[in-house]
C-alpha atoms as a PDB file:
ATOM      1  CA  MET A   1      38.544   0.801   7.918  1.00  0.00           C
ATOM      2  CA  ILE A   2      34.978   2.182   7.288  1.00  0.00           C
ATOM      3  CA  LYS A   3      34.922   5.514   5.300  1.00  0.00           C
ATOM      4  CA  ILE A   4      32.017   8.042   5.779  1.00  0.00           C
ATOM      5  CA  GLU A   5      30.727  10.137   2.849  1.00  0.00           C
ATOM      6  CA  THR A   6      28.045  12.786   3.082  1.00  0.00           C
ATOM      7  CA  PHE A   7      25.611  13.577   0.152  1.00  0.00           C
ATOM      8  CA  THR A   8      23.164  16.457   0.690  1.00  0.00           C
ATOM      9  CA  LEU A   9      20.176  15.752  -1.322  1.00  0.00           C
ATOM     10  CA  GLY A  10      16.921  17.335  -2.628  1.00  0.00           C
ATOM     11  CA  PRO A  11      15.046  20.531  -1.945  1.00  0.00           C
ATOM     12  CA  LEU A  12      14.967  19.894   1.764  1.00  0.00           C
ATOM     13  CA  GLN A  13      18.863  19.597   1.861  1.00  0.00           C
ATOM     14  CA  THR A  14      18.963  16.151   3.549  1.00  0.00           C
ATOM     15  CA  ASN A  15      22.051  14.444   4.561  1.00  0.00           C
ATOM     16  CA  ALA A  16      22.552  10.896   3.105  1.00  0.00           C
ATOM     17  CA  TYR A  17      25.480   8.910   4.256  1.00  0.00           C
ATOM     18  CA  LEU A  18      27.543   6.046   2.566  1.00  0.00           C
ATOM     19  CA  LEU A  19      29.549   3.951   4.771  1.00  0.00           C
ATOM     20  CA  THR A  20      31.993   1.835   2.975  1.00  0.00           C
ATOM     21  CA  ASP A  21      34.564  -0.804   3.902  1.00  0.00           C
ATOM     22  CA  SER A  22      37.937   0.371   2.417  1.00  0.00           C
ATOM     23  CA  ASP A  23      39.023  -3.381   1.963  1.00  0.00           C
ATOM     24  CA  THR A  24      36.124  -4.936   0.247  1.00  0.00           C
ATOM     25  CA  GLY A  25      34.485  -1.653  -1.282  1.00  0.00           C
ATOM     26  CA  LYS A  26      30.980  -2.838   0.032  1.00  0.00           C
ATOM     27  CA  GLY A  27      28.896  -0.221   1.435  1.00  0.00           C
ATOM     28  CA  VAL A  28      25.566   0.601   3.585  1.00  0.00           C
ATOM     29  CA  VAL A  29      23.545   3.818   2.684  1.00  0.00           C
ATOM     30  CA  ILE A  30      21.626   5.744   5.663  1.00  0.00           C
ATOM     31  CA  ASP A  31      18.861   8.002   4.529  1.00  0.00           C
ATOM     32  CA  PRO A  32      18.832   8.215   0.544  1.00  0.00           C
ATOM     33  CA  GLY A  33      16.755  11.295   0.108  1.00  0.00           C
ATOM     34  CA  MET A  34      15.042  13.100  -2.778  1.00  0.00           C
ATOM     35  CA  LYS A  35      16.790  13.662  -6.188  1.00  0.00           C
ATOM     36  CA  PRO A  36      19.537  11.081  -5.078  1.00  0.00           C
ATOM     37  CA  GLU A  37      21.399  11.403  -8.276  1.00  0.00           C
ATOM     38  CA  PRO A  38      24.698  12.414  -6.629  1.00  0.00           C
ATOM     39  CA  LEU A  39      24.543   9.372  -4.279  1.00  0.00           C
ATOM     40  CA  LEU A  40      23.234   7.096  -7.059  1.00  0.00           C
ATOM     41  CA  LYS A  41      26.494   7.986  -9.309  1.00  0.00           C
ATOM     42  CA  ARG A  42      28.916   7.279  -6.454  1.00  0.00           C
ATOM     43  CA  ILE A  43      27.363   3.910  -5.815  1.00  0.00           C
ATOM     44  CA  GLU A  44      27.195   2.762  -9.355  1.00  0.00           C
ATOM     45  CA  ARG A  45      30.110   0.198  -8.733  1.00  0.00           C
ATOM     46  CA  VAL A  46      29.502  -0.112  -5.029  1.00  0.00           C
ATOM     47  CA  PRO A  47      27.809  -3.281  -3.713  1.00  0.00           C
ATOM     48  CA  ILE A  48      25.091  -2.105  -1.265  1.00  0.00           C
ATOM     49  CA  GLU A  49      24.612  -4.360   1.729  1.00  0.00           C
ATOM     50  CA  ALA A  50      21.618  -2.397   3.484  1.00  0.00           C
ATOM     51  CA  ILE A  51      19.622   0.793   3.510  1.00  0.00           C
ATOM     52  CA  LEU A  52      19.117   2.052   7.011  1.00  0.00           C
ATOM     53  CA  LEU A  53      16.514   4.605   7.840  1.00  0.00           C
ATOM     54  CA  THR A  54      16.427   6.801  10.780  1.00  0.00           C
ATOM     55  CA  HIS A  55      12.877   7.510   9.944  1.00  0.00           C
ATOM     56  CA  ALA A  56      10.444   7.625   7.131  1.00  0.00           C
ATOM     57  CA  HIS A  57       9.638  11.281   6.170  1.00  0.00           C
ATOM     58  CA  LEU A  58       9.661  11.968   2.588  1.00  0.00           C
ATOM     59  CA  ASP A  59      12.899  13.726   2.421  1.00  0.00           C
ATOM     60  CA  HIS A  60      14.766  10.711   3.745  1.00  0.00           C
ATOM     61  CA  ILE A  61      13.222   8.138   1.825  1.00  0.00           C
ATOM     62  CA  GLY A  62      13.140   9.287  -1.825  1.00  0.00           C
ATOM     63  CA  GLY A  63      15.935   7.282  -3.158  1.00  0.00           C
ATOM     64  CA  VAL A  64      15.169   4.145  -1.298  1.00  0.00           C
ATOM     65  CA  ASP A  65      13.124   2.474  -4.310  1.00  0.00           C
ATOM     66  CA  THR A  66      15.744   3.016  -6.869  1.00  0.00           C
ATOM     67  CA  ILE A  67      18.491   1.822  -4.826  1.00  0.00           C
ATOM     68  CA  ARG A  68      16.709  -1.260  -3.304  1.00  0.00           C
ATOM     69  CA  LYS A  69      15.815  -2.520  -6.650  1.00  0.00           C
ATOM     70  CA  SER A  70      19.185  -1.552  -8.324  1.00  0.00           C
ATOM     71  CA  LYS A  71      21.300  -3.030  -5.685  1.00  0.00           C
ATOM     72  CA  GLY A  72      19.023  -6.011  -4.440  1.00  0.00           C
ATOM     73  CA  CYS A  73      19.419  -4.843  -0.821  1.00  0.00           C
ATOM     74  CA  PRO A  74      17.141  -4.749   2.357  1.00  0.00           C
ATOM     75  CA  VAL A  75      15.771  -1.766   3.963  1.00  0.00           C
ATOM     76  CA  TYR A  76      15.807  -1.446   7.615  1.00  0.00           C
ATOM     77  CA  LEU A  77      13.238   0.650   9.592  1.00  0.00           C
ATOM     78  CA  HIS A  78      11.555   0.878  13.013  1.00  0.00           C
ATOM     79  CA  ASP A  79       8.192  -1.000  13.215  1.00  0.00           C
ATOM     80  CA  ALA A  80       6.528   2.340  14.268  1.00  0.00           C
ATOM     81  CA  GLU A  81       6.795   3.493  10.731  1.00  0.00           C
ATOM     82  CA  ALA A  82       6.770   0.093   8.747  1.00  0.00           C
ATOM     83  CA  ASP A  83       3.829   1.341   6.960  1.00  0.00           C
ATOM     84  CA  TRP A  84       5.038   4.741   6.097  1.00  0.00           C
ATOM     85  CA  LEU A  85       6.909   3.514   3.000  1.00  0.00           C
ATOM     86  CA  THR A  86       3.711   2.304   1.377  1.00  0.00           C
ATOM     87  CA  ASP A  87       1.707   5.490   2.422  1.00  0.00           C
ATOM     88  CA  PRO A  88       2.372   8.803   0.764  1.00  0.00           C
ATOM     89  CA  LYS A  89       0.077  10.358   3.483  1.00  0.00           C
ATOM     90  CA  LYS A  90       2.103   9.187   6.358  1.00  0.00           C
ATOM     91  CA  ASN A  91       5.431   9.876   4.867  1.00  0.00           C
ATOM     92  CA  ARG A  92       4.008  13.230   4.111  1.00  0.00           C
ATOM     93  CA  SER A  93       4.945  13.026   0.025  1.00  0.00           C
ATOM     94  CA  ALA A  94       1.136  13.590  -0.516  1.00  0.00           C
ATOM     95  CA  MET A  95       1.021  16.625   1.534  1.00  0.00           C
ATOM     96  CA  TRP A  96       3.789  18.466  -0.359  1.00  0.00           C
ATOM     97  CA  PRO A  97       3.288  17.466  -4.213  1.00  0.00           C
ATOM     98  CA  ASP A  98       5.467  20.282  -5.318  1.00  0.00           C
ATOM     99  CA  LEU A  99       8.484  18.580  -3.737  1.00  0.00           C
ATOM    100  CA  GLY A 100       8.238  15.637  -6.069  1.00  0.00           C
ATOM    101  CA  GLY A 101       5.091  13.686  -6.036  1.00  0.00           C
ATOM    102  CA  PRO A 102       4.004  10.899  -4.013  1.00  0.00           C
ATOM    103  CA  ILE A 103       6.629   8.434  -2.752  1.00  0.00           C
ATOM    104  CA  VAL A 104       5.731   4.803  -2.614  1.00  0.00           C
ATOM    105  CA  THR A 105       7.988   1.744  -2.185  1.00  0.00           C
ATOM    106  CA  ASP A 106       7.868  -1.821  -0.642  1.00  0.00           C
ATOM    107  CA  PRO A 107       7.685  -2.238   3.299  1.00  0.00           C
ATOM    108  CA  PRO A 108      11.061  -2.671   5.159  1.00  0.00           C
ATOM    109  CA  GLU A 109      12.505  -6.151   5.241  1.00  0.00           C
ATOM    110  CA  PHE A 110      13.835  -5.708   8.724  1.00  0.00           C
ATOM    111  CA  ALA A 111      12.610  -3.922  11.840  1.00  0.00           C
ATOM    112  CA  LEU A 112      14.845  -1.849  13.955  1.00  0.00           C
ATOM    113  CA  ASP A 113      14.513  -1.588  17.776  1.00  0.00           C
ATOM    114  CA  GLU A 114      16.159  -0.129  20.805  1.00  0.00           C
ATOM    115  CA  GLY A 115      19.278  -1.907  21.939  1.00  0.00           C
ATOM    116  CA  MET A 116      19.848  -3.743  18.678  1.00  0.00           C
ATOM    117  CA  THR A 117      23.431  -4.119  17.341  1.00  0.00           C
ATOM    118  CA  LEU A 118      23.653  -4.311  13.491  1.00  0.00           C
ATOM    119  CA  LYS A 119      26.722  -6.173  12.259  1.00  0.00           C
ATOM    120  CA  LEU A 120      27.210  -5.210   8.468  1.00  0.00           C
ATOM    121  CA  LEU A 121      29.963  -5.303   5.938  1.00  0.00           C
ATOM    122  CA  ASP A 122      31.406  -8.719   7.228  1.00  0.00           C
ATOM    123  CA  GLY A 123      31.092  -7.325  10.735  1.00  0.00           C
ATOM    124  CA  LYS A 124      33.391  -4.340  10.465  1.00  0.00           C
ATOM    125  CA  LEU A 125      30.375  -2.115  10.802  1.00  0.00           C
ATOM    126  CA  GLN A 126      28.582  -2.528  13.947  1.00  0.00           C
ATOM    127  CA  LEU A 127      25.794  -0.103  14.782  1.00  0.00           C
ATOM    128  CA  ARG A 128      24.179   0.287  18.151  1.00  0.00           C
ATOM    129  CA  VAL A 129      20.416   1.001  17.742  1.00  0.00           C
ATOM    130  CA  PHE A 130      18.765   3.685  19.919  1.00  0.00           C
ATOM    131  CA  HIS A 131      15.050   4.350  19.509  1.00  0.00           C
ATOM    132  CA  THR A 132      14.733   8.166  19.612  1.00  0.00           C
ATOM    133  CA  PRO A 133      11.164   9.288  19.121  1.00  0.00           C
ATOM    134  CA  GLY A 134       9.877  12.752  19.321  1.00  0.00           C
ATOM    135  CA  HIS A 135      10.554  14.117  15.793  1.00  0.00           C
ATOM    136  CA  SER A 136       8.618  11.013  14.428  1.00  0.00           C
ATOM    137  CA  PRO A 137       7.330   7.978  16.382  1.00  0.00           C
ATOM    138  CA  GLY A 138       9.955   5.630  14.820  1.00  0.00           C
ATOM    139  CA  SER A 139      12.804   7.808  14.693  1.00  0.00           C
ATOM    140  CA  VAL A 140      16.266   5.825  15.556  1.00  0.00           C
ATOM    141  CA  SER A 141      19.943   6.753  15.922  1.00  0.00           C
ATOM    142  CA  PHE A 142      22.875   4.583  14.937  1.00  0.00           C
ATOM    143  CA  LEU A 143      26.007   4.814  16.667  1.00  0.00           C
ATOM    144  CA  TYR A 144      29.140   3.379  15.108  1.00  0.00           C
ATOM    145  CA  GLU A 145      32.369   3.786  17.512  1.00  0.00           C
ATOM    146  CA  LYS A 146      32.288   7.652  18.127  1.00  0.00           C
ATOM    147  CA  HIS A 147      29.901   8.192  15.023  1.00  0.00           C
ATOM    148  CA  LEU A 148      26.316   8.997  15.639  1.00  0.00           C
ATOM    149  CA  PHE A 149      23.802   9.134  12.711  1.00  0.00           C
ATOM    150  CA  GLY A 150      20.870  10.780  14.418  1.00  0.00           C
ATOM    151  CA  GLY A 151      18.344  11.625  11.741  1.00  0.00           C
ATOM    152  CA  ASP A 152      16.227  14.546  12.515  1.00  0.00           C
ATOM    153  CA  VAL A 153      16.550  14.306  16.364  1.00  0.00           C
ATOM    154  CA  LEU A 154      19.512  16.523  17.227  1.00  0.00           C
ATOM    155  CA  PHE A 155      21.094  19.144  15.038  1.00  0.00           C
ATOM    156  CA  LYS A 156      23.761  21.788  15.506  1.00  0.00           C
ATOM    157  CA  LEU A 157      22.536  24.425  17.951  1.00  0.00           C
ATOM    158  CA  SER A 158      18.859  22.999  17.133  1.00  0.00           C
ATOM    159  CA  VAL A 159      16.487  20.064  17.319  1.00  0.00           C
ATOM    160  CA  GLY A 160      14.068  18.326  15.078  1.00  0.00           C
ATOM    161  CA  ARG A 161      10.646  19.744  14.471  1.00  0.00           C
ATOM    162  CA  THR A 162       7.674  18.222  16.454  1.00  0.00           C
ATOM    163  CA  ASP A 163       4.728  19.643  14.724  1.00  0.00           C
ATOM    164  CA  LEU A 164       4.230  16.913  12.359  1.00  0.00           C
ATOM    165  CA  PRO A 165       1.689  14.059  13.002  1.00  0.00           C
ATOM    166  CA  GLY A 166       3.372  11.613  15.499  1.00  0.00           C
ATOM    167  CA  GLY A 167       5.784  14.129  16.774  1.00  0.00           C
ATOM    168  CA  SER A 168       6.147  14.957  20.644  1.00  0.00           C
ATOM    169  CA  GLU A 169       8.238  17.640  22.071  1.00  0.00           C
ATOM    170  CA  ARG A 170       8.259  15.650  25.462  1.00  0.00           C
ATOM    171  CA  GLU A 171       9.492  12.581  23.741  1.00  0.00           C
ATOM    172  CA  LEU A 172      12.043  14.577  21.710  1.00  0.00           C
ATOM    173  CA  LEU A 173      13.699  15.913  24.663  1.00  0.00           C
ATOM    174  CA  ASP A 174      13.625  12.462  26.504  1.00  0.00           C
ATOM    175  CA  SER A 175      15.234  10.914  23.638  1.00  0.00           C
ATOM    176  CA  ILE A 176      18.015  13.742  23.680  1.00  0.00           C
ATOM    177  CA  HIS A 177      18.569  13.812  27.417  1.00  0.00           C
ATOM    178  CA  GLY A 178      17.945  10.162  28.276  1.00  0.00           C
ATOM    179  CA  LYS A 179      19.722   8.597  25.283  1.00  0.00           C
ATOM    180  CA  LEU A 180      22.115  10.848  23.327  1.00  0.00           C
ATOM    181  CA  PHE A 181      23.408  12.864  25.974  1.00  0.00           C
ATOM    182  CA  GLU A 182      24.408   9.754  27.897  1.00  0.00           C
ATOM    183  CA  LEU A 183      26.952   9.371  25.135  1.00  0.00           C
ATOM    184  CA  ASP A 184      30.620  10.632  25.499  1.00  0.00           C
ATOM    185  CA  ASP A 185      31.369  14.226  24.732  1.00  0.00           C
ATOM    186  CA  ASP A 186      33.428  13.590  21.896  1.00  0.00           C
ATOM    187  CA  VAL A 187      30.787  11.574  19.930  1.00  0.00           C
ATOM    188  CA  THR A 188      30.305  13.253  16.500  1.00  0.00           C
ATOM    189  CA  VAL A 189      26.767  13.820  15.410  1.00  0.00           C
ATOM    190  CA  TYR A 190      25.957  13.278  11.692  1.00  0.00           C
ATOM    191  CA  PRO A 191      22.543  14.966  11.560  1.00  0.00           C
ATOM    192  CA  GLY A 192      19.741  14.693   9.007  1.00  0.00           C
ATOM    193  CA  HIS A 193      20.217  18.348   8.047  1.00  0.00           C
ATOM    194  CA  GLY A 194      23.057  20.764   8.351  1.00  0.00           C
ATOM    195  CA  GLY A 195      26.539  20.468   9.505  1.00  0.00           C
ATOM    196  CA  ARG A 196      28.143  17.932  11.880  1.00  0.00           C
ATOM    197  CA  THR A 197      28.479  18.766  15.783  1.00  0.00           C
ATOM    198  CA  THR A 198      29.473  16.802  18.827  1.00  0.00           C
ATOM    199  CA  ILE A 199      27.429  15.490  21.901  1.00  0.00           C
ATOM    200  CA  GLY A 200      29.616  17.662  24.212  1.00  0.00           C
ATOM    201  CA  PHE A 201      29.048  20.808  22.175  1.00  0.00           C
ATOM    202  CA  GLU A 202      25.474  20.549  21.946  1.00  0.00           C
ATOM    203  CA  ARG A 203      24.932  19.407  25.685  1.00  0.00           C
ATOM    204  CA  GLU A 204      26.883  22.788  26.449  1.00  0.00           C
ATOM    205  CA  HIS A 205      25.502  25.166  23.981  1.00  0.00           C
ATOM    206  CA  ASN A 206      22.213  23.885  22.371  1.00  0.00           C
ATOM    207  CA  PRO A 207      19.514  26.568  23.479  1.00  0.00           C
ATOM    208  CA  TYR A 208      16.666  24.055  22.652  1.00  0.00           C
ATOM    209  CA  VAL A 209      17.674  21.406  25.241  1.00  0.00           C
END
């Protein structure tokens, strides 16, 4: 059984997710954000197999360096943002120094792309990868069974901003309508900010799509 835990981190209240195998205790982290102390405390004794990034904006990567070095685990990120981890201007941390200063870490070990299936935690966690650009060029969403980890693409009654460099409203709407809204109504969306929702609820009620 895979357990899903949420940690809301940092000044931008970014959701990080910890997925653990109840049998082995091993885990995977999605989007370890800024000021990650609550997450770090939780995973002190948890072997972390991988860090998965929906995208590489500053508020989603603040804890990457600490976790990668302490756990010896690889980072997965789409190639369109592969150099953002090493460049504070691209990950935007240089633009908002009051949020904590420049964020720099090593490049990702593995590239994510449309249609991939990641098999982690001894094969018990199988995540289908969707390339869902619009908020950022390398944004991806991960689907595990009926659980979608969508980053900053789709929120409850809202969508991700598209006014940062590399953003595109047209691409965002294409990602939502062409990929996410093709999923079943009962798929739960775990967004990068705010509370959970479902595909069916957003398809019917979201005023932005």
